[in-house]
């Protein structure tokens, strides 16, 4: 990322948005691997703006929510790093519960929220596909067990309507099933 066509734009509403390499000279590259073994999306990026405006994301949901309940009824499944990087934060707060933020060499970061277990520490180098935690239902923003997955530039505009996040869907290599 960060090629010639990547830049901030100001739309007619006065909001900034990141181009995410959407220019014609550099197509979007599928660079993120699956954060879970199976990707079943229960809430897409940008959905429910009326709800999320109360949480600082007035244009809607700022990530992808993935179902984590397995067919046998179990829900404690592994969460994996979607790309090589350095863990910049492994913490817990009221809204996100237990979460991990990974900075990647492409100038972006991925975030994994509502975990029940964090298996890495800040400063640790992780590889794509490496187990980083167990998903769960922690944090006040979690309505049911799931993984909230977000993606944004490391230097972001918090006021872009999605708290700086961009839609990670087009960057994921693996197929997503929607419910």
Foldseek 3Di string as FASTA:
>chain_A
DPDPPWDWDQDPVRFIDTCCQVDPVGHHAQQFEAQFPAAEWADFAQPDLVVCVVVLQNSHAAFTKGQQQDPVRDRWGFTWGRAKFFWQDFDADAAFGTKTWGQDPVQKIKMKGQFPFAQDHGGDTHHGGDTGGTWAQGHPNGPGTIITMWMAGPDADCRNSNHRTDGCVVNHPDDHHYD
